[in-house]
Amino acid sequence: MTHDLLIRNARPFGKDPVDLVIRSGRFGAPGGDRPSEEIDAAGYIALPGLVEAHTHLDKTLIGMDWFENRIAPNRNDRILADRKAKRDLGIDARRQSARQIFQTLEHGVLAIRSHVDVDTEIGLANIEGVLETREALRDLADVQIVAFPQSGMLACEGTLELMDAAMKAGADIVGGIDPATIDRDPVRHLDAMFALAERHAKPIDIHLHELGELGAFCLELIVERARAHAMQGKVMISHGYCLGMLDTARQRAVIEELAAERIAVMTVGSPSAPALPLRLMRQCGLVVASGSDGIQGTWEPWGNGDMLERARFLAQRNGMTNDADLEETARVCTFGGAEAINLTGYGFADGDFGDLVLVQGRTLAEAVALTPQKRTVIRRGRILVRTGTLARDLPHVA
């Protein structure tokens, strides 16, 4: 559904005030017939729709009872507990994914890449649930689905076949996870991933938590395969903690290799993991995106899905305090995310989709630092949220 709208006195990325015109759901030049609806942005900062480049829509506990977390902190224990929770808590992927989309919509998130579990216990149930949500809410947000083998691709017999079935069912991206420490065979794991991607002509997005030189070795294997399969611009590394642990020369060399093959990196700026060198990554031309990861789930109770707040977290984690750096973290959560997940028609140029969020602030750096709420959110020219209040005609979510 598209709309015509005139937005007066908006400041794209905090620059000088302009009038923005949306016709048939896309930005156009001023002039011609006046849109039937107009609003005064009152000098608010206009950002393109915020991009959530990494989350888990199928596993959030938003709106459910409080989960008492007694899980050990290591990753394997968390994975096992997560599988058990999916059975015991009755987490309905359709309902929970819709709840998260509505919660983050109020913050201005209009594009989401979600990793959705595929394993031998739940089969494709979570994929099917999020696919149903995506279709029901397609007028509110763009949702990309990563088929995600949380428990490993090779460790449990039958998972690889389920991954293939998930791609046939409608998943958009082939996922993977820690090929050395989860599947204990990085070569076979990555070969299986890239074979799936080639078979279905789909991109790749792999969770890589592996540390130090082990992580760097896995990154080099990924670079080799991206080059061999001509998948430049179609591979993303999620987390990539090892990049924050290497010595200076090694760090730059690996980052330059990633940039040369146009492999994007997603970081959530976790306080409990090594900080990625955002300034160096930017200098090397690496595409960097960000996301909230799990929101209010069994792994962690944190998160609200506000990607402007996430920009602030990135700045804090990297010790960034000057305005230019804060503006750059905002770009990571907008244009960086859009490029990383291959969105088209993104921005404020003529012909781009009429998607934006209006945020109060004198400068973009101030908006990142203070993350003001009560935002106005517009998609394809339709006002979905007005000063923090959802439009009354939006679909109902349980």
Protein backbone atom coordinates (compact mmCIF):
# COMPACT_ATOMS: atom_id res chain seq x y z
CA MET A 1 0.00 0.00 0.00
CA THR A 2 1.48 3.37 -1.04
CA HIS A 3 0.54 6.94 -0.18
CA ASP A 4 1.26 10.54 -1.21
CA LEU A 5 2.63 12.83 1.50
CA LEU A 6 4.35 16.19 1.83
CA ILE A 7 6.70 16.48 4.82
CA ARG A 8 7.59 20.10 5.51
CA ASN A 9 10.63 21.38 7.41
CA ALA A 10 12.51 18.08 7.82
CA ARG A 11 16.29 17.92 8.21
CA PRO A 12 17.80 14.85 6.51
CA PHE A 13 20.64 13.61 8.71
CA GLY A 14 20.45 16.86 10.67
CA LYS A 15 21.28 19.12 7.72
CA ASP A 16 19.33 22.17 6.54
CA PRO A 17 15.50 22.02 6.53
CA VAL A 18 13.83 20.85 3.32
CA ASP A 19 10.43 19.70 2.17
CA LEU A 20 10.24 16.00 1.29
CA VAL A 21 7.64 14.81 -1.20
CA ILE A 22 6.43 11.21 -1.43
CA ARG A 23 4.30 10.19 -4.40
CA SER A 24 3.04 6.67 -4.95
CA GLY A 25 5.20 5.55 -2.08
CA ARG A 26 8.50 6.99 -3.37
CA PHE A 27 10.44 10.20 -2.88
CA GLY A 28 10.11 12.68 -5.71
CA ALA A 29 11.05 16.24 -6.59
CA PRO A 30 8.97 19.14 -5.21
CA GLY A 31 6.46 20.66 -7.59
CA GLY A 32 3.57 19.26 -9.56
CA ASP A 33 0.36 18.26 -7.89
CA ARG A 34 0.36 18.81 -4.17
CA PRO A 35 0.01 15.58 -2.14
CA SER A 36 -3.35 15.18 -0.45
CA GLU A 37 -1.75 14.89 3.00
CA GLU A 38 1.00 16.92 4.61
CA ILE A 39 2.70 17.15 7.98
CA ASP A 40 5.08 19.64 9.57
CA ALA A 41 8.27 17.92 10.75
CA ALA A 42 9.01 20.99 12.91
CA GLY A 43 12.73 20.79 12.18
CA TYR A 44 13.08 17.19 13.35
CA ILE A 45 15.94 15.10 11.96
CA ALA A 46 14.87 12.78 9.15
CA LEU A 47 16.57 9.40 8.90
CA PRO A 48 15.82 6.66 6.40
CA GLY A 49 14.06 3.73 8.05
CA LEU A 50 16.36 2.21 10.66
CA VAL A 51 17.87 -1.16 9.70
CA GLU A 52 17.91 -4.09 12.12
CA ALA A 53 20.54 -6.24 10.40
CA HIS A 54 20.69 -9.04 12.96
CA THR A 55 18.02 -10.34 15.30
CA HIS A 56 16.11 -13.53 16.20
CA LEU A 57 12.41 -12.82 15.71
CA ASP A 58 11.41 -16.40 16.44
CA LYS A 59 12.90 -16.50 19.96
CA THR A 60 11.92 -13.27 21.67
CA LEU A 61 9.85 -13.56 24.85
CA ILE A 62 8.20 -10.13 24.46
CA GLY A 63 4.76 -10.24 26.09
CA MET A 64 5.38 -13.62 27.74
CA ASP A 65 6.03 -14.43 31.39
CA TRP A 66 9.42 -13.56 32.84
CA PHE A 67 11.99 -16.27 32.12
CA GLU A 68 14.13 -17.09 35.13
CA ASN A 69 17.56 -17.53 33.62
CA ARG A 70 19.76 -20.08 35.39
CA ILE A 71 21.75 -21.03 32.32
CA ALA A 72 25.54 -21.35 32.44
CA PRO A 73 27.28 -18.61 30.44
CA ASN A 74 29.07 -20.79 27.87
CA ARG A 75 27.62 -20.99 24.37
CA ASN A 76 26.99 -24.74 24.19
CA ASP A 77 25.00 -24.70 27.44
CA ARG A 78 22.96 -21.79 26.10
CA ILE A 79 22.22 -23.62 22.86
CA LEU A 80 21.01 -26.72 24.73
CA ALA A 81 18.90 -24.62 27.12
CA ASP A 82 17.46 -22.71 24.17
CA ARG A 83 16.34 -25.94 22.49
CA LYS A 84 14.66 -27.03 25.72
CA ALA A 85 12.98 -23.64 26.17
CA LYS A 86 11.42 -23.84 22.72
CA ARG A 87 9.69 -27.03 23.84
CA ASP A 88 8.78 -26.02 27.40
CA LEU A 89 7.74 -22.37 27.03
CA GLY A 90 5.51 -22.70 23.99
CA ILE A 91 7.27 -19.96 22.03
CA ASP A 92 5.04 -19.40 19.01
CA ALA A 93 7.32 -18.03 16.27
CA ARG A 94 4.45 -16.36 14.39
CA ARG A 95 3.11 -14.54 17.45
CA GLN A 96 6.49 -13.60 18.92
CA SER A 97 7.95 -12.34 15.65
CA ALA A 98 4.91 -10.09 15.19
CA ARG A 99 5.29 -8.73 18.71
CA GLN A 100 8.91 -7.78 18.10
CA ILE A 101 8.16 -6.15 14.75
CA PHE A 102 5.49 -3.95 16.34
CA GLN A 103 7.76 -3.03 19.25
CA THR A 104 10.62 -1.99 17.01
CA LEU A 105 8.32 -0.25 14.54
CA GLU A 106 7.70 2.42 17.16
CA HIS A 107 11.44 3.14 17.14
CA GLY A 108 11.52 3.48 13.34
CA VAL A 109 12.85 0.06 12.34
CA LEU A 110 11.50 -0.65 8.84
CA ALA A 111 13.91 -3.35 7.63
CA ILE A 112 14.85 -6.49 9.56
CA ARG A 113 17.14 -9.44 8.92
CA SER A 114 16.22 -12.27 11.28
CA HIS A 115 18.06 -15.51 11.88
CA VAL A 116 15.39 -18.20 12.38
CA ASP A 117 16.21 -21.56 13.91
CA VAL A 118 16.28 -24.75 11.88
CA ASP A 119 17.05 -27.95 13.78
CA THR A 120 16.02 -31.59 14.07
CA GLU A 121 13.62 -30.93 16.97
CA ILE A 122 11.54 -28.07 15.57
CA GLY A 123 12.13 -28.79 11.90
CA LEU A 124 10.79 -25.87 9.84
CA ALA A 125 8.15 -24.71 12.35
CA ASN A 126 9.92 -21.45 13.19
CA ILE A 127 10.67 -20.71 9.55
CA GLU A 128 7.00 -21.24 8.71
CA GLY A 129 5.87 -19.02 11.60
CA VAL A 130 8.09 -16.09 10.62
CA LEU A 131 7.15 -16.51 6.96
CA GLU A 132 3.51 -16.14 8.00
CA THR A 133 4.29 -13.00 9.98
CA ARG A 134 6.28 -11.53 7.12
CA GLU A 135 3.35 -11.93 4.76
CA ALA A 136 0.82 -10.53 7.26
CA LEU A 137 2.96 -7.46 8.04
CA ARG A 138 4.59 -6.85 4.67
CA ASP A 139 3.11 -3.33 4.49
CA LEU A 140 4.84 -2.39 7.77
CA ALA A 141 8.40 -3.71 7.42
CA ASP A 142 10.72 -5.59 5.10
CA VAL A 143 11.75 -8.89 6.71
CA GLN A 144 14.59 -11.09 5.49
CA ILE A 145 14.80 -14.63 6.86
CA VAL A 146 18.09 -16.44 7.46
CA ALA A 147 17.80 -20.21 7.82
CA PHE A 148 19.91 -20.58 10.96
CA PRO A 149 21.36 -23.92 12.15
CA GLN A 150 21.74 -22.80 15.78
CA SER A 151 22.87 -26.27 16.94
CA GLY A 152 25.24 -26.78 14.03
CA MET A 153 24.91 -27.83 10.40
CA LEU A 154 26.69 -31.18 10.56
CA ALA A 155 26.56 -32.26 14.22
CA CYS A 156 22.94 -33.48 14.08
CA GLU A 157 22.14 -35.80 11.18
CA GLY A 158 19.35 -34.41 9.04
CA THR A 159 20.03 -30.70 9.71
CA LEU A 160 21.62 -30.09 6.32
CA GLU A 161 18.55 -31.57 4.60
CA LEU A 162 16.32 -29.32 6.72
CA MET A 163 18.39 -26.30 5.70
CA ASP A 164 17.79 -27.20 2.07
CA ALA A 165 14.06 -27.53 2.79
CA ALA A 166 14.05 -24.15 4.55
CA MET A 167 15.48 -22.48 1.46
CA LYS A 168 12.83 -24.14 -0.69
CA ALA A 169 10.14 -22.99 1.77
CA GLY A 170 11.03 -19.33 1.34
CA ALA A 171 14.06 -18.45 3.49
CA ASP A 172 16.16 -15.72 1.89
CA ILE A 173 19.66 -16.34 3.23
CA VAL A 174 21.77 -19.39 4.12
CA GLY A 175 22.99 -19.21 7.71
CA GLY A 176 25.77 -20.90 9.61
CA ILE A 177 27.50 -20.87 12.99
CA ASP A 178 31.02 -21.32 14.38
CA PRO A 179 32.24 -23.97 11.96
CA ALA A 180 35.25 -24.95 14.09
CA THR A 181 33.82 -25.01 17.61
CA ILE A 182 30.21 -26.09 16.96
CA ASP A 183 30.62 -28.50 14.04
CA ARG A 184 34.38 -29.02 14.63
CA ASP A 185 34.99 -29.12 10.90
CA PRO A 186 35.24 -25.64 9.36
CA VAL A 187 36.02 -26.87 5.87
CA ARG A 188 32.98 -29.18 5.61
CA HIS A 189 30.68 -26.66 7.32
CA LEU A 190 31.64 -23.81 5.00
CA ASP A 191 31.61 -26.01 1.91
CA ALA A 192 28.07 -27.09 2.82
CA MET A 193 26.98 -23.48 3.33
CA PHE A 194 28.36 -22.24 0.05
CA ALA A 195 26.98 -25.24 -1.82
CA LEU A 196 23.50 -24.47 -0.45
CA ALA A 197 23.88 -20.81 -1.38
CA GLU A 198 24.96 -21.69 -4.90
CA ARG A 199 22.16 -24.26 -5.34
CA HIS A 200 19.48 -21.76 -4.32
CA ALA A 201 21.20 -18.59 -5.63
CA LYS A 202 21.01 -16.99 -2.17
CA PRO A 203 23.39 -14.92 0.01
CA ILE A 204 25.16 -16.12 3.17
CA ASP A 205 25.15 -14.79 6.73
CA ILE A 206 27.24 -16.71 9.26
CA HIS A 207 27.47 -16.30 13.04
CA LEU A 208 31.18 -16.25 13.83
CA HIS A 209 31.94 -15.98 17.54
CA GLU A 210 35.26 -17.82 17.31
CA LEU A 211 38.10 -15.91 18.88
CA GLY A 212 41.63 -14.87 17.99
CA GLU A 213 43.55 -16.74 15.34
CA LEU A 214 40.96 -19.50 15.12
CA GLY A 215 38.36 -16.92 14.11
CA ALA A 216 40.80 -15.27 11.70
CA PHE A 217 41.49 -18.67 10.09
CA CYS A 218 37.73 -19.20 9.58
CA LEU A 219 37.45 -15.71 8.09
CA GLU A 220 40.18 -16.56 5.61
CA LEU A 221 38.34 -19.74 4.61
CA ILE A 222 35.19 -17.66 4.06
CA VAL A 223 37.11 -15.13 1.95
CA GLU A 224 38.51 -17.95 -0.20
CA ARG A 225 35.04 -19.36 -0.82
CA ALA A 226 33.43 -16.00 -1.49
CA ARG A 227 36.09 -15.41 -4.14
CA ALA A 228 35.80 -18.89 -5.65
CA HIS A 229 31.98 -18.70 -5.83
CA ALA A 230 31.97 -15.08 -7.07
CA MET A 231 29.81 -14.04 -4.09
CA GLN A 232 31.20 -10.53 -3.63
CA GLY A 233 28.58 -8.40 -1.87
CA LYS A 234 26.56 -11.49 -0.89
CA VAL A 235 28.27 -12.61 2.32
CA MET A 236 27.97 -11.21 5.83
CA ILE A 237 29.92 -12.11 8.96
CA SER A 238 27.82 -11.69 12.08
CA HIS A 239 29.80 -10.74 15.20
CA GLY A 240 33.34 -11.51 14.02
CA TYR A 241 34.79 -11.01 17.51
CA CYS A 242 38.22 -12.14 16.35
CA LEU A 243 38.65 -8.86 14.45
CA GLY A 244 38.96 -7.07 17.79
CA MET A 245 41.66 -9.44 19.08
CA LEU A 246 44.38 -9.53 16.41
CA ASP A 247 47.63 -7.57 16.42
CA THR A 248 47.57 -4.36 14.40
CA ALA A 249 49.15 -5.62 11.19
CA ARG A 250 47.17 -8.87 11.14
CA GLN A 251 43.95 -7.02 11.92
CA ARG A 252 44.38 -4.63 9.01
CA ALA A 253 45.32 -7.43 6.61
CA VAL A 254 42.22 -9.47 7.43
CA ILE A 255 39.92 -6.43 7.24
CA GLU A 256 41.38 -5.46 3.87
CA GLU A 257 40.75 -9.00 2.59
CA LEU A 258 37.13 -8.80 3.70
CA ALA A 259 36.71 -5.40 2.10
CA ALA A 260 38.25 -6.59 -1.18
CA GLU A 261 35.60 -9.31 -1.48
CA ARG A 262 32.85 -6.93 -0.28
CA ILE A 263 32.10 -9.15 2.70
CA ALA A 264 30.07 -7.16 5.24
CA VAL A 265 30.46 -7.41 9.01
CA MET A 266 27.68 -7.04 11.57
CA THR A 267 28.48 -6.05 15.14
CA VAL A 268 26.09 -5.46 18.03
CA GLY A 269 28.75 -3.73 20.14
CA SER A 270 28.39 -6.29 22.90
CA PRO A 271 29.87 -5.16 26.25
CA SER A 272 31.01 -8.73 27.00
CA ALA A 273 32.90 -9.36 23.73
CA PRO A 274 35.93 -7.78 22.08
CA ALA A 275 35.15 -4.43 20.46
CA LEU A 276 35.56 -4.36 16.70
CA PRO A 277 37.80 -1.56 15.34
CA LEU A 278 35.07 0.56 13.74
CA ARG A 279 37.38 3.40 12.67
CA LEU A 280 39.81 1.04 10.93
CA MET A 281 36.96 -0.86 9.30
CA ARG A 282 35.60 2.42 7.95
CA GLN A 283 39.05 3.50 6.69
CA CYS A 284 39.43 0.18 4.83
CA GLY A 285 36.06 0.55 3.13
CA LEU A 286 34.46 -2.40 4.92
CA VAL A 287 30.65 -2.39 4.99
CA VAL A 288 29.54 -2.45 8.63
CA ALA A 289 26.01 -3.08 9.91
CA SER A 290 24.51 -3.54 13.34
CA GLY A 291 21.65 -5.28 15.07
CA SER A 292 20.05 -6.02 18.42
CA ASP A 293 20.68 -9.78 18.35
CA GLY A 294 18.26 -11.57 20.71
CA ILE A 295 15.72 -9.26 22.35
CA GLN A 296 14.35 -10.28 25.75
CA GLY A 297 15.00 -13.98 25.23
CA THR A 298 16.35 -17.04 26.99
CA TRP A 299 19.96 -16.06 26.28
CA GLU A 300 19.73 -12.51 27.64
CA PRO A 301 16.94 -10.40 29.13
CA TRP A 302 18.14 -7.19 27.44
CA GLY A 303 17.10 -5.19 24.41
CA ASN A 304 14.26 -3.13 23.00
CA GLY A 305 15.20 -3.11 19.32
CA ASP A 306 15.88 0.64 19.07
CA MET A 307 18.58 0.89 16.41
CA LEU A 308 19.31 4.53 17.23
CA GLU A 309 20.11 3.41 20.76
CA ARG A 310 22.24 0.66 19.21
CA ALA A 311 24.24 3.38 17.42
CA ARG A 312 24.91 4.90 20.84
CA PHE A 313 26.02 1.51 22.18
CA LEU A 314 28.49 1.18 19.29
CA ALA A 315 29.94 4.60 20.06
CA GLN A 316 30.24 3.84 23.77
CA ARG A 317 31.81 0.43 23.18
CA ASN A 318 34.44 1.99 20.91
CA GLY A 319 35.16 4.99 23.12
CA MET A 320 33.75 7.38 20.53
CA THR A 321 32.69 10.79 21.82
CA ASN A 322 33.17 13.28 18.98
CA ASP A 323 30.28 14.27 16.75
CA ALA A 324 31.74 12.82 13.54
CA ASP A 325 32.05 9.37 15.12
CA LEU A 326 28.54 9.49 16.55
CA GLU A 327 27.21 10.42 13.12
CA GLU A 328 29.10 7.46 11.67
CA THR A 329 27.46 5.02 14.09
CA ALA A 330 24.08 6.37 12.92
CA ARG A 331 25.12 5.58 9.37
CA VAL A 332 26.05 2.03 10.42
CA CYS A 333 22.44 1.58 11.59
CA THR A 334 20.98 3.07 8.41
CA PHE A 335 22.98 3.08 5.17
CA GLY A 336 25.51 0.52 6.46
CA GLY A 337 22.74 -1.91 7.33
CA ALA A 338 20.95 -1.24 4.05
CA GLU A 339 24.07 -2.01 2.01
CA ALA A 340 24.95 -5.07 4.09
CA ILE A 341 21.55 -6.71 3.64
CA ASN A 342 21.23 -5.52 0.02
CA LEU A 343 18.23 -3.22 0.31
CA THR A 344 17.33 -1.33 -2.86
CA GLY A 345 15.63 2.05 -3.15
CA TYR A 346 17.00 3.13 0.23
CA GLY A 347 17.62 6.80 1.06
CA PHE A 348 16.19 10.19 0.21
CA ALA A 349 17.01 10.40 -3.51
CA ASP A 350 14.28 10.72 -6.13
CA GLY A 351 12.81 7.27 -6.70
CA ASP A 352 13.85 5.85 -3.34
CA PHE A 353 11.12 4.32 -1.20
CA GLY A 354 9.29 6.88 0.94
CA ASP A 355 10.46 5.41 4.25
CA LEU A 356 11.76 7.55 7.09
CA VAL A 357 11.75 8.27 10.79
CA LEU A 358 11.56 11.75 12.31
CA VAL A 359 13.63 12.20 15.48
CA GLN A 360 13.92 15.26 17.68
CA GLY A 361 17.41 16.71 17.98
CA ARG A 362 19.49 19.74 17.09
CA THR A 363 22.23 17.58 15.56
CA LEU A 364 22.52 13.95 14.52
CA ALA A 365 25.19 13.41 17.18
CA GLU A 366 22.79 14.69 19.84
CA ALA A 367 20.09 12.30 18.59
CA VAL A 368 22.51 9.36 18.90
CA ALA A 369 23.67 10.42 22.36
CA LEU A 370 20.19 11.11 23.79
CA THR A 371 18.05 8.76 21.63
CA PRO A 372 14.85 10.81 21.96
CA GLN A 373 11.58 8.89 21.74
CA LYS A 374 8.09 9.81 20.47
CA ARG A 375 9.24 9.43 16.87
CA THR A 376 7.16 9.65 13.74
CA VAL A 377 7.59 6.70 11.40
CA ILE A 378 6.57 6.74 7.74
CA ARG A 379 6.61 3.83 5.28
CA ARG A 380 5.89 4.30 1.59
CA GLY A 381 4.29 7.63 2.52
CA ARG A 382 1.94 6.10 5.09
CA ILE A 383 2.24 7.38 8.65
CA LEU A 384 2.54 4.28 10.83
CA VAL A 385 3.60 6.00 14.04
CA ARG A 386 2.88 9.62 14.93
CA THR A 387 4.95 11.06 17.78
CA GLY A 388 5.25 7.65 19.40
CA THR A 389 1.68 6.44 18.89
CA LEU A 390 0.87 3.59 16.51
CA ALA A 391 -1.76 4.35 13.87
CA ARG A 392 -5.16 2.90 14.72
CA ASP A 393 -5.60 1.13 11.39
CA LEU A 394 -2.58 -1.18 11.80
CA PRO A 395 -3.17 -4.95 11.98
CA HIS A 396 -3.89 -6.40 15.40
CA VAL A 397 -1.19 -8.44 17.12
CA ALA A 398 -1.93 -10.75 20.05
